[in-house]
Amino acid sequence: FAKVFAGFGAQLPLMTRLLLGFSEFMINWWPALLVGTVSLVVG
């Protein structure tokens, strides 16, 4: 959906920006999140 929204060329609602930001964070940092989750469970 982010690719579709990028073609709008308009200001996106706050809820949409939060979802896109959280999704981008998970995509970029998923290895660190996975290691952190495993470490948390083991600890």
PDB file of all heavy atoms in Angstrom:
ATOM      1  N   PHE A   1       0.815  -1.204   0.000  1.00  0.00           N
ATOM      2  CA  PHE A   1       0.000   0.000   0.000  1.00  0.00           C
ATOM      3  C   PHE A   1       0.857   1.265   0.000  1.00  0.00           C
ATOM      4  O   PHE A   1       0.429   2.312  -0.486  1.00  0.00           O
ATOM      5  CB  PHE A   1      -0.936   0.008   1.211  1.00  0.00           C
ATOM      6  CG  PHE A   1      -2.160  -0.840   1.041  1.00  0.00           C
ATOM      7  CD1 PHE A   1      -2.208  -2.129   1.547  1.00  0.00           C
ATOM      8  CD2 PHE A   1      -3.271  -0.349   0.362  1.00  0.00           C
ATOM      9  CE1 PHE A   1      -3.333  -2.912   1.395  1.00  0.00           C
ATOM     10  CE2 PHE A   1      -4.407  -1.136   0.211  1.00  0.00           C
ATOM     11  CZ  PHE A   1      -4.442  -2.424   0.719  1.00  0.00           C
ATOM     12  N   ALA A   2       2.060   1.171   0.583  1.00  0.00           N
ATOM     13  CA  ALA A   2       2.933   2.354   0.623  1.00  0.00           C
ATOM     14  C   ALA A   2       3.274   2.828  -0.785  1.00  0.00           C
ATOM     15  O   ALA A   2       3.376   4.042  -1.034  1.00  0.00           O
ATOM     16  CB  ALA A   2       4.210   2.026   1.396  1.00  0.00           C
ATOM     17  N   LYS A   3       3.471   1.888  -1.726  1.00  0.00           N
ATOM     18  CA  LYS A   3       3.763   2.279  -3.104  1.00  0.00           C
ATOM     19  C   LYS A   3       2.579   3.009  -3.733  1.00  0.00           C
ATOM     20  O   LYS A   3       2.749   3.960  -4.511  1.00  0.00           O
ATOM     21  CB  LYS A   3       4.112   1.033  -3.915  1.00  0.00           C
ATOM     22  CG  LYS A   3       5.363   0.311  -3.433  1.00  0.00           C
ATOM     23  CD  LYS A   3       5.614  -0.955  -4.245  1.00  0.00           C
ATOM     24  CE  LYS A   3       6.841  -1.706  -3.725  1.00  0.00           C
ATOM     25  NZ  LYS A   3       7.088  -2.963  -4.476  1.00  0.00           N
ATOM     26  N   VAL A   4       1.371   2.560  -3.384  1.00  0.00           N
ATOM     27  CA  VAL A   4       0.178   3.227  -3.913  1.00  0.00           C
ATOM     28  C   VAL A   4       0.035   4.620  -3.324  1.00  0.00           C
ATOM     29  O   VAL A   4      -0.253   5.599  -4.034  1.00  0.00           O
ATOM     30  CB  VAL A   4      -1.083   2.378  -3.608  1.00  0.00           C
ATOM     31  CG1 VAL A   4      -2.340   3.092  -4.102  1.00  0.00           C
ATOM     32  CG2 VAL A   4      -0.959   1.002  -4.247  1.00  0.00           C
ATOM     33  N   PHE A   5       0.257   4.739  -1.995  1.00  0.00           N
ATOM     34  CA  PHE A   5       0.112   6.032  -1.337  1.00  0.00           C
ATOM     35  C   PHE A   5       1.162   7.033  -1.833  1.00  0.00           C
ATOM     36  O   PHE A   5       0.918   8.246  -1.836  1.00  0.00           O
ATOM     37  CB  PHE A   5       0.235   5.872   0.177  1.00  0.00           C
ATOM     38  CG  PHE A   5      -0.862   5.033   0.785  1.00  0.00           C
ATOM     39  CD1 PHE A   5      -0.653   4.349   1.980  1.00  0.00           C
ATOM     40  CD2 PHE A   5      -2.095   4.911   0.167  1.00  0.00           C
ATOM     41  CE1 PHE A   5      -1.658   3.573   2.538  1.00  0.00           C
ATOM     42  CE2 PHE A   5      -3.101   4.140   0.724  1.00  0.00           C
ATOM     43  CZ  PHE A   5      -2.886   3.468   1.904  1.00  0.00           C
ATOM     44  N   ALA A   6       2.346   6.524  -2.227  1.00  0.00           N
ATOM     45  CA  ALA A   6       3.405   7.423  -2.691  1.00  0.00           C
ATOM     46  C   ALA A   6       2.995   8.161  -3.948  1.00  0.00           C
ATOM     47  O   ALA A   6       3.480   9.272  -4.223  1.00  0.00           O
ATOM     48  CB  ALA A   6       4.690   6.632  -2.935  1.00  0.00           C
ATOM     49  N   GLY A   7       2.096   7.569  -4.757  1.00  0.00           N
ATOM     50  CA  GLY A   7       1.652   8.219  -5.996  1.00  0.00           C
ATOM     51  C   GLY A   7       0.568   9.240  -5.793  1.00  0.00           C
ATOM     52  O   GLY A   7       0.178   9.919  -6.757  1.00  0.00           O
ATOM     53  N   PHE A   8       0.050   9.363  -4.564  1.00  0.00           N
ATOM     54  CA  PHE A   8      -1.012  10.334  -4.314  1.00  0.00           C
ATOM     55  C   PHE A   8      -0.482  11.767  -4.378  1.00  0.00           C
ATOM     56  O   PHE A   8      -1.178  12.686  -4.795  1.00  0.00           O
ATOM     57  CB  PHE A   8      -1.658  10.084  -2.949  1.00  0.00           C
ATOM     58  CG  PHE A   8      -2.537   8.867  -2.919  1.00  0.00           C
ATOM     59  CD1 PHE A   8      -3.176   8.487  -1.743  1.00  0.00           C
ATOM     60  CD2 PHE A   8      -2.741   8.088  -4.058  1.00  0.00           C
ATOM     61  CE1 PHE A   8      -3.996   7.378  -1.704  1.00  0.00           C
ATOM     62  CE2 PHE A   8      -3.557   6.974  -4.027  1.00  0.00           C
ATOM     63  CZ  PHE A   8      -4.184   6.612  -2.851  1.00  0.00           C
ATOM     64  N   GLY A   9       0.762  11.923  -3.905  1.00  0.00           N
ATOM     65  CA  GLY A   9       1.341  13.265  -3.875  1.00  0.00           C
ATOM     66  C   GLY A   9       0.623  14.198  -2.938  1.00  0.00           C
ATOM     67  O   GLY A   9       0.582  15.409  -3.191  1.00  0.00           O
ATOM     68  N   ALA A  10       0.018  13.663  -1.873  1.00  0.00           N
ATOM     69  CA  ALA A  10      -0.733  14.485  -0.915  1.00  0.00           C
ATOM     70  C   ALA A  10      -0.314  14.130   0.498  1.00  0.00           C
ATOM     71  O   ALA A  10       0.337  13.103   0.741  1.00  0.00           O
ATOM     72  CB  ALA A  10      -2.240  14.281  -1.104  1.00  0.00           C
ATOM     73  N   GLN A  11      -0.701  15.005   1.444  1.00  0.00           N
ATOM     74  CA  GLN A  11      -0.415  14.772   2.860  1.00  0.00           C
ATOM     75  C   GLN A  11      -1.259  13.604   3.356  1.00  0.00           C
ATOM     76  O   GLN A  11      -2.491  13.631   3.246  1.00  0.00           O
ATOM     77  CB  GLN A  11      -0.710  16.029   3.666  1.00  0.00           C
ATOM     78  CG  GLN A  11      -0.477  15.891   5.151  1.00  0.00           C
ATOM     79  CD  GLN A  11       1.003  15.829   5.504  1.00  0.00           C
ATOM     80  OE1 GLN A  11       1.846  16.255   4.723  1.00  0.00           O
ATOM     81  NE2 GLN A  11       1.335  15.294   6.660  1.00  0.00           N
ATOM     82  N   LEU A  12      -0.604  12.583   3.897  1.00  0.00           N
ATOM     83  CA  LEU A  12      -1.314  11.402   4.391  1.00  0.00           C
ATOM     84  C   LEU A  12      -1.811  11.640   5.809  1.00  0.00           C
ATOM     85  O   LEU A  12      -1.194  12.391   6.572  1.00  0.00           O
ATOM     86  CB  LEU A  12      -0.393  10.179   4.359  1.00  0.00           C
ATOM     87  CG  LEU A  12       0.085   9.723   2.968  1.00  0.00           C
ATOM     88  CD1 LEU A  12       1.084   8.579   3.107  1.00  0.00           C
ATOM     89  CD2 LEU A  12      -1.096   9.288   2.106  1.00  0.00           C
ATOM     90  N   PRO A  13      -2.901  10.980   6.209  1.00  0.00           N
ATOM     91  CA  PRO A  13      -3.401  11.112   7.586  1.00  0.00           C
ATOM     92  C   PRO A  13      -2.375  10.603   8.598  1.00  0.00           C
ATOM     93  O   PRO A  13      -1.476   9.824   8.271  1.00  0.00           O
ATOM     94  CB  PRO A  13      -4.668  10.242   7.589  1.00  0.00           C
ATOM     95  CG  PRO A  13      -5.071  10.122   6.159  1.00  0.00           C
ATOM     96  CD  PRO A  13      -3.799  10.169   5.367  1.00  0.00           C
ATOM     97  N   LEU A  14      -2.527  11.064   9.848  1.00  0.00           N
ATOM     98  CA  LEU A  14      -1.583  10.699  10.908  1.00  0.00           C
ATOM     99  C   LEU A  14      -1.535   9.192  11.123  1.00  0.00           C
ATOM    100  O   LEU A  14      -0.450   8.617  11.269  1.00  0.00           O
ATOM    101  CB  LEU A  14      -1.983  11.401  12.209  1.00  0.00           C
ATOM    102  CG  LEU A  14      -1.156  11.030  13.455  1.00  0.00           C
ATOM    103  CD1 LEU A  14       0.304  11.418  13.252  1.00  0.00           C
ATOM    104  CD2 LEU A  14      -1.730  11.698  14.695  1.00  0.00           C
ATOM    105  N   MET A  15      -2.701   8.531  11.140  1.00  0.00           N
ATOM    106  CA  MET A  15      -2.726   7.083  11.371  1.00  0.00           C
ATOM    107  C   MET A  15      -1.973   6.341  10.275  1.00  0.00           C
ATOM    108  O   MET A  15      -1.246   5.389  10.542  1.00  0.00           O
ATOM    109  CB  MET A  15      -4.177   6.602  11.434  1.00  0.00           C
ATOM    110  CG  MET A  15      -4.319   5.130  11.835  1.00  0.00           C
ATOM    111  SD  MET A  15      -3.749   4.822  13.522  1.00  0.00           S
ATOM    112  CE  MET A  15      -5.010   5.700  14.446  1.00  0.00           C
ATOM    113  N   THR A  16      -2.116   6.800   9.034  1.00  0.00           N
ATOM    114  CA  THR A  16      -1.409   6.157   7.924  1.00  0.00           C
ATOM    115  C   THR A  16       0.090   6.353   8.053  1.00  0.00           C
ATOM    116  O   THR A  16       0.878   5.422   7.812  1.00  0.00           O
ATOM    117  CB  THR A  16      -1.906   6.736   6.588  1.00  0.00           C
ATOM    118  OG1 THR A  16      -3.332   6.584   6.509  1.00  0.00           O
ATOM    119  CG2 THR A  16      -1.267   6.008   5.414  1.00  0.00           C
ATOM    120  N   ARG A  17       0.507   7.576   8.425  1.00  0.00           N
ATOM    121  CA  ARG A  17       1.941   7.837   8.581  1.00  0.00           C
ATOM    122  C   ARG A  17       2.539   6.976   9.699  1.00  0.00           C
ATOM    123  O   ARG A  17       3.675   6.496   9.581  1.00  0.00           O
ATOM    124  CB  ARG A  17       2.172   9.323   8.880  1.00  0.00           C
ATOM    125  CG  ARG A  17       1.779  10.247   7.731  1.00  0.00           C
ATOM    126  CD  ARG A  17       2.443  11.617   7.856  1.00  0.00           C
ATOM    127  NE  ARG A  17       2.144  12.262   9.118  1.00  0.00           N
ATOM    128  CZ  ARG A  17       1.102  13.055   9.331  1.00  0.00           C
ATOM    129  NH1 ARG A  17       0.223  13.287   8.343  1.00  0.00           N
ATOM    130  NH2 ARG A  17       0.904  13.639  10.501  1.00  0.00           N
ATOM    131  N   LEU A  18       1.769   6.778  10.771  1.00  0.00           N
ATOM    132  CA  LEU A  18       2.257   5.928  11.857  1.00  0.00           C
ATOM    133  C   LEU A  18       2.410   4.477  11.400  1.00  0.00           C
ATOM    134  O   LEU A  18       3.414   3.818  11.709  1.00  0.00           O
ATOM    135  CB  LEU A  18       1.287   6.001  13.048  1.00  0.00           C
ATOM    136  CG  LEU A  18       1.247   7.328  13.812  1.00  0.00           C
ATOM    137  CD1 LEU A  18       0.168   7.288  14.891  1.00  0.00           C
ATOM    138  CD2 LEU A  18       2.607   7.612  14.444  1.00  0.00           C
ATOM    139  N   LEU A  19       1.424   3.969  10.653  1.00  0.00           N
ATOM    140  CA  LEU A  19       1.516   2.599  10.147  1.00  0.00           C
ATOM    141  C   LEU A  19       2.702   2.433   9.203  1.00  0.00           C
ATOM    142  O   LEU A  19       3.453   1.446   9.280  1.00  0.00           O
ATOM    143  CB  LEU A  19       0.221   2.218   9.433  1.00  0.00           C
ATOM    144  CG  LEU A  19      -0.974   1.825  10.309  1.00  0.00           C
ATOM    145  CD1 LEU A  19      -2.197   1.537   9.453  1.00  0.00           C
ATOM    146  CD2 LEU A  19      -0.638   0.608  11.159  1.00  0.00           C
ATOM    147  N   LEU A  20       2.878   3.386   8.286  1.00  0.00           N
ATOM    148  CA  LEU A  20       3.994   3.299   7.344  1.00  0.00           C
ATOM    149  C   LEU A  20       5.335   3.384   8.070  1.00  0.00           C
ATOM    150  O   LEU A  20       6.290   2.668   7.722  1.00  0.00           O
ATOM    151  CB  LEU A  20       3.880   4.415   6.303  1.00  0.00           C
ATOM    152  CG  LEU A  20       2.677   4.318   5.344  1.00  0.00           C
ATOM    153  CD1 LEU A  20       2.647   5.518   4.402  1.00  0.00           C
ATOM    154  CD2 LEU A  20       2.734   3.022   4.542  1.00  0.00           C
ATOM    155  N   GLY A  21       5.414   4.254   9.082  1.00  0.00           N
ATOM    156  CA  GLY A  21       6.660   4.371   9.837  1.00  0.00           C
ATOM    157  C   GLY A  21       6.990   3.114  10.607  1.00  0.00           C
ATOM    158  O   GLY A  21       8.152   2.673  10.632  1.00  0.00           O
ATOM    159  N   PHE A  22       5.962   2.530  11.229  1.00  0.00           N
ATOM    160  CA  PHE A  22       6.194   1.289  11.987  1.00  0.00           C
ATOM    161  C   PHE A  22       6.577   0.148  11.055  1.00  0.00           C
ATOM    162  O   PHE A  22       7.454  -0.661  11.367  1.00  0.00           O
ATOM    163  CB  PHE A  22       4.931   0.929  12.775  1.00  0.00           C
ATOM    164  CG  PHE A  22       5.099  -0.254  13.679  1.00  0.00           C
ATOM    165  CD1 PHE A  22       5.908  -0.204  14.789  1.00  0.00           C
ATOM    166  CD2 PHE A  22       4.449  -1.455  13.394  1.00  0.00           C
ATOM    167  CE1 PHE A  22       6.075  -1.302  15.620  1.00  0.00           C
ATOM    168  CE2 PHE A  22       4.605  -2.566  14.225  1.00  0.00           C
ATOM    169  CZ  PHE A  22       5.418  -2.478  15.331  1.00  0.00           C
ATOM    170  N   SER A  23       5.925   0.079   9.877  1.00  0.00           N
ATOM    171  CA  SER A  23       6.259  -0.963   8.902  1.00  0.00           C
ATOM    172  C   SER A  23       7.685  -0.799   8.392  1.00  0.00           C
ATOM    173  O   SER A  23       8.438  -1.770   8.272  1.00  0.00           O
ATOM    174  CB  SER A  23       5.269  -0.918   7.735  1.00  0.00           C
ATOM    175  OG  SER A  23       5.645  -1.827   6.725  1.00  0.00           O
ATOM    176  N   GLU A  24       8.084   0.433   8.108  1.00  0.00           N
ATOM    177  CA  GLU A  24       9.448   0.685   7.634  1.00  0.00           C
ATOM    178  C   GLU A  24      10.472   0.325   8.705  1.00  0.00           C
ATOM    179  O   GLU A  24      11.541  -0.230   8.405  1.00  0.00           O
ATOM    180  CB  GLU A  24       9.581   2.148   7.229  1.00  0.00           C
ATOM    181  CG  GLU A  24      10.942   2.504   6.631  1.00  0.00           C
ATOM    182  CD  GLU A  24      11.028   3.961   6.216  1.00  0.00           C
ATOM    183  OE1 GLU A  24      10.014   4.676   6.352  1.00  0.00           O
ATOM    184  OE2 GLU A  24      12.105   4.386   5.773  1.00  0.00           O
ATOM    185  N   PHE A  25      10.139   0.629   9.956  1.00  0.00           N
ATOM    186  CA  PHE A  25      11.044   0.282  11.062  1.00  0.00           C
ATOM    187  C   PHE A  25      11.228  -1.230  11.148  1.00  0.00           C
ATOM    188  O   PHE A  25      12.358  -1.719  11.321  1.00  0.00           O
ATOM    189  CB  PHE A  25      10.474   0.826  12.365  1.00  0.00           C
ATOM    190  CG  PHE A  25      11.229   0.382  13.595  1.00  0.00           C
ATOM    191  CD1 PHE A  25      12.434   0.956  13.937  1.00  0.00           C
ATOM    192  CD2 PHE A  25      10.731  -0.643  14.395  1.00  0.00           C
ATOM    193  CE1 PHE A  25      13.139   0.544  15.060  1.00  0.00           C
ATOM    194  CE2 PHE A  25      11.418  -1.071  15.517  1.00  0.00           C
ATOM    195  CZ  PHE A  25      12.628  -0.470  15.856  1.00  0.00           C
ATOM    196  N   MET A  26      10.135  -2.012  11.027  1.00  0.00           N
ATOM    197  CA  MET A  26      10.234  -3.469  11.114  1.00  0.00           C
ATOM    198  C   MET A  26      11.021  -4.046   9.945  1.00  0.00           C
ATOM    199  O   MET A  26      11.800  -4.990  10.103  1.00  0.00           O
ATOM    200  CB  MET A  26       8.838  -4.093  11.170  1.00  0.00           C
ATOM    201  CG  MET A  26       8.102  -3.884  12.477  1.00  0.00           C
ATOM    202  SD  MET A  26       6.643  -4.932  12.627  1.00  0.00           S
ATOM    203  CE  MET A  26       7.401  -6.557  12.690  1.00  0.00           C
ATOM    204  N   ILE A  27      10.827  -3.472   8.746  1.00  0.00           N
ATOM    205  CA  ILE A  27      11.548  -3.979   7.572  1.00  0.00           C
ATOM    206  C   ILE A  27      13.045  -3.719   7.702  1.00  0.00           C
ATOM    207  O   ILE A  27      13.880  -4.575   7.372  1.00  0.00           O
ATOM    208  CB  ILE A  27      10.983  -3.327   6.293  1.00  0.00           C
ATOM    209  CG1 ILE A  27       9.548  -3.807   6.056  1.00  0.00           C
ATOM    210  CG2 ILE A  27      11.868  -3.645   5.084  1.00  0.00           C
ATOM    211  CD1 ILE A  27       8.861  -3.106   4.905  1.00  0.00           C
ATOM    212  N   ASN A  28      13.421  -2.533   8.178  1.00  0.00           N
ATOM    213  CA  ASN A  28      14.840  -2.163   8.262  1.00  0.00           C
ATOM    214  C   ASN A  28      15.547  -2.801   9.453  1.00  0.00           C
ATOM    215  O   ASN A  28      16.758  -3.050   9.388  1.00  0.00           O
ATOM    216  CB  ASN A  28      14.972  -0.641   8.343  1.00  0.00           C
ATOM    217  CG  ASN A  28      14.499   0.046   7.074  1.00  0.00           C
ATOM    218  OD1 ASN A  28      14.545  -0.544   5.981  1.00  0.00           O
ATOM    219  ND2 ASN A  28      14.033   1.290   7.193  1.00  0.00           N
ATOM    220  N   TRP A  29      14.798  -3.050  10.521  1.00  0.00           N
ATOM    221  CA  TRP A  29      15.437  -3.506  11.753  1.00  0.00           C
ATOM    222  C   TRP A  29      14.978  -4.894  12.192  1.00  0.00           C
ATOM    223  O   TRP A  29      15.181  -5.265  13.347  1.00  0.00           O
ATOM    224  CB  TRP A  29      15.154  -2.509  12.889  1.00  0.00           C
ATOM    225  CG  TRP A  29      15.779  -1.166  12.665  1.00  0.00           C
ATOM    226  CD1 TRP A  29      15.222  -0.085  12.069  1.00  0.00           C
ATOM    227  CD2 TRP A  29      17.111  -0.794  13.010  1.00  0.00           C
ATOM    228  NE1 TRP A  29      16.095   0.969  12.027  1.00  0.00           N
ATOM    229  CE2 TRP A  29      17.276   0.556  12.605  1.00  0.00           C
ATOM    230  CE3 TRP A  29      18.186  -1.444  13.611  1.00  0.00           C
ATOM    231  CZ2 TRP A  29      18.473   1.254  12.792  1.00  0.00           C
ATOM    232  CZ3 TRP A  29      19.366  -0.755  13.804  1.00  0.00           C
ATOM    233  CH2 TRP A  29      19.505   0.577  13.391  1.00  0.00           C
ATOM    234  N   TRP A  30      14.389  -5.681  11.285  1.00  0.00           N
ATOM    235  CA  TRP A  30      13.877  -6.979  11.715  1.00  0.00           C
ATOM    236  C   TRP A  30      14.974  -7.919  12.243  1.00  0.00           C
ATOM    237  O   TRP A  30      14.697  -8.697  13.172  1.00  0.00           O
ATOM    238  CB  TRP A  30      13.083  -7.649  10.587  1.00  0.00           C
ATOM    239  CG  TRP A  30      13.904  -8.148   9.422  1.00  0.00           C
ATOM    240  CD1 TRP A  30      14.156  -7.501   8.262  1.00  0.00           C
ATOM    241  CD2 TRP A  30      14.561  -9.417   9.334  1.00  0.00           C
ATOM    242  NE1 TRP A  30      14.943  -8.261   7.441  1.00  0.00           N
ATOM    243  CE2 TRP A  30      15.202  -9.452   8.075  1.00  0.00           C
ATOM    244  CE3 TRP A  30      14.673 -10.520  10.176  1.00  0.00           C
ATOM    245  CZ2 TRP A  30      15.952 -10.539   7.645  1.00  0.00           C
ATOM    246  CZ3 TRP A  30      15.411 -11.609   9.749  1.00  0.00           C
ATOM    247  CH2 TRP A  30      16.040 -11.608   8.504  1.00  0.00           C
ATOM    248  N   PRO A  31      16.209  -7.901  11.709  1.00  0.00           N
ATOM    249  CA  PRO A  31      17.225  -8.781  12.330  1.00  0.00           C
ATOM    250  C   PRO A  31      17.494  -8.424  13.787  1.00  0.00           C
ATOM    251  O   PRO A  31      17.602  -9.308  14.649  1.00  0.00           O
ATOM    252  CB  PRO A  31      18.472  -8.553  11.456  1.00  0.00           C
ATOM    253  CG  PRO A  31      17.947  -8.035  10.157  1.00  0.00           C
ATOM    254  CD  PRO A  31      16.769  -7.207  10.528  1.00  0.00           C
ATOM    255  N   ALA A  32      17.578  -7.098  14.049  1.00  0.00           N
ATOM    256  CA  ALA A  32      17.816  -6.677  15.433  1.00  0.00           C
ATOM    257  C   ALA A  32      16.626  -7.028  16.324  1.00  0.00           C
ATOM    258  O   ALA A  32      16.797  -7.443  17.481  1.00  0.00           O
ATOM    259  CB  ALA A  32      18.094  -5.177  15.484  1.00  0.00           C
ATOM    260  N   LEU A  33      15.402  -6.872  15.786  1.00  0.00           N
ATOM    261  CA  LEU A  33      14.204  -7.229  16.559  1.00  0.00           C
ATOM    262  C   LEU A  33      14.176  -8.724  16.850  1.00  0.00           C
ATOM    263  O   LEU A  33      13.805  -9.147  17.962  1.00  0.00           O
ATOM    264  CB  LEU A  33      12.949  -6.815  15.792  1.00  0.00           C
ATOM    265  CG  LEU A  33      12.688  -5.307  15.665  1.00  0.00           C
ATOM    266  CD1 LEU A  33      11.497  -5.052  14.747  1.00  0.00           C
ATOM    267  CD2 LEU A  33      12.430  -4.704  17.038  1.00  0.00           C
ATOM    268  N   LEU A  34      14.565  -9.550  15.868  1.00  0.00           N
ATOM    269  CA  LEU A  34      14.576 -10.997  16.066  1.00  0.00           C
ATOM    270  C   LEU A  34      15.596 -11.401  17.122  1.00  0.00           C
ATOM    271  O   LEU A  34      15.292 -12.191  18.033  1.00  0.00           O
ATOM    272  CB  LEU A  34      14.874 -11.705  14.742  1.00  0.00           C
ATOM    273  CG  LEU A  34      14.891 -13.237  14.773  1.00  0.00           C
ATOM    274  CD1 LEU A  34      13.530 -13.773  15.196  1.00  0.00           C
ATOM    275  CD2 LEU A  34      15.291 -13.801  13.409  1.00  0.00           C
ATOM    276  N   VAL A  35      16.811 -10.838  17.010  1.00  0.00           N
ATOM    277  CA  VAL A  35      17.855 -11.143  17.996  1.00  0.00           C
ATOM    278  C   VAL A  35      17.435 -10.665  19.376  1.00  0.00           C
ATOM    279  O   VAL A  35      17.626 -11.361  20.388  1.00  0.00           O
ATOM    280  CB  VAL A  35      19.193 -10.506  17.575  1.00  0.00           C
ATOM    281  CG1 VAL A  35      20.232 -10.660  18.682  1.00  0.00           C
ATOM    282  CG2 VAL A  35      19.703 -11.135  16.287  1.00  0.00           C
ATOM    283  N   GLY A  36      16.840  -9.471  19.441  1.00  0.00           N
ATOM    284  CA  GLY A  36      16.397  -8.944  20.729  1.00  0.00           C
ATOM    285  C   GLY A  36      15.307  -9.794  21.362  1.00  0.00           C
ATOM    286  O   GLY A  36      15.317 -10.029  22.576  1.00  0.00           O
ATOM    287  N   THR A  37      14.363 -10.288  20.532  1.00  0.00           N
ATOM    288  CA  THR A  37      13.286 -11.133  21.058  1.00  0.00           C
ATOM    289  C   THR A  37      13.833 -12.449  21.589  1.00  0.00           C
ATOM    290  O   THR A  37      13.464 -12.894  22.688  1.00  0.00           O
ATOM    291  CB  THR A  37      12.243 -11.409  19.960  1.00  0.00           C
ATOM    292  OG1 THR A  37      11.725 -10.164  19.480  1.00  0.00           O
ATOM    293  CG2 THR A  37      11.110 -12.261  20.498  1.00  0.00           C
ATOM    294  N   VAL A  38      14.734 -13.083  20.812  1.00  0.00           N
ATOM    295  CA  VAL A  38      15.335 -14.347  21.258  1.00  0.00           C
ATOM    296  C   VAL A  38      16.138 -14.138  22.536  1.00  0.00           C
ATOM    297  O   VAL A  38      16.064 -14.943  23.479  1.00  0.00           O
ATOM    298  CB  VAL A  38      16.213 -14.948  20.143  1.00  0.00           C
ATOM    299  CG1 VAL A  38      16.974 -16.163  20.655  1.00  0.00           C
ATOM    300  CG2 VAL A  38      15.362 -15.330  18.934  1.00  0.00           C
ATOM    301  N   SER A  39      16.911 -13.045  22.577  1.00  0.00           N
ATOM    302  CA  SER A  39      17.709 -12.759  23.778  1.00  0.00           C
ATOM    303  C   SER A  39      16.816 -12.519  24.984  1.00  0.00           C
ATOM    304  O   SER A  39      17.128 -12.961  26.097  1.00  0.00           O
ATOM    305  CB  SER A  39      18.595 -11.534  23.540  1.00  0.00           C
ATOM    306  OG  SER A  39      19.461 -11.735  22.441  1.00  0.00           O
ATOM    307  N   LEU A  40      15.692 -11.838  24.749  1.00  0.00           N
ATOM    308  CA  LEU A  40      14.763 -11.567  25.838  1.00  0.00           C
ATOM    309  C   LEU A  40      14.165 -12.857  26.380  1.00  0.00           C
ATOM    310  O   LEU A  40      14.064 -13.047  27.605  1.00  0.00           O
ATOM    311  CB  LEU A  40      13.649 -10.634  25.356  1.00  0.00           C
ATOM    312  CG  LEU A  40      12.671 -10.125  26.417  1.00  0.00           C
ATOM    313  CD1 LEU A  40      13.405  -9.259  27.439  1.00  0.00           C
ATOM    314  CD2 LEU A  40      11.546  -9.329  25.763  1.00  0.00           C
ATOM    315  N   VAL A  41      13.791 -13.780  25.480  1.00  0.00           N
ATOM    316  CA  VAL A  41      13.210 -15.056  25.908  1.00  0.00           C
ATOM    317  C   VAL A  41      14.232 -15.888  26.666  1.00  0.00           C
ATOM    318  O   VAL A  41      13.946 -16.437  27.741  1.00  0.00           O
ATOM    319  CB  VAL A  41      12.673 -15.832  24.685  1.00  0.00           C
ATOM    320  CG1 VAL A  41      12.252 -17.243  25.088  1.00  0.00           C
ATOM    321  CG2 VAL A  41      11.496 -15.102  24.062  1.00  0.00           C
ATOM    322  N   VAL A  42      15.465 -15.965  26.117  1.00  0.00           N
ATOM    323  CA  VAL A  42      16.515 -16.750  26.775  1.00  0.00           C
ATOM    324  C   VAL A  42      16.864 -16.142  28.133  1.00  0.00           C
ATOM    325  O   VAL A  42      17.032 -16.849  29.135  1.00  0.00           O
ATOM    326  CB  VAL A  42      17.766 -16.841  25.877  1.00  0.00           C
ATOM    327  CG1 VAL A  42      18.925 -17.493  26.625  1.00  0.00           C
ATOM    328  CG2 VAL A  42      17.450 -17.616  24.606  1.00  0.00           C
ATOM    329  N   GLY A  43      16.983 -14.805  28.177  1.00  0.00           N
ATOM    330  CA  GLY A  43      17.292 -14.141  29.435  1.00  0.00           C
ATOM    331  C   GLY A  43      16.199 -14.330  30.474  1.00  0.00           C
ATOM    332  O   GLY A  43      16.480 -14.541  31.660  1.00  0.00           O
TER     333      GLY A  43
END
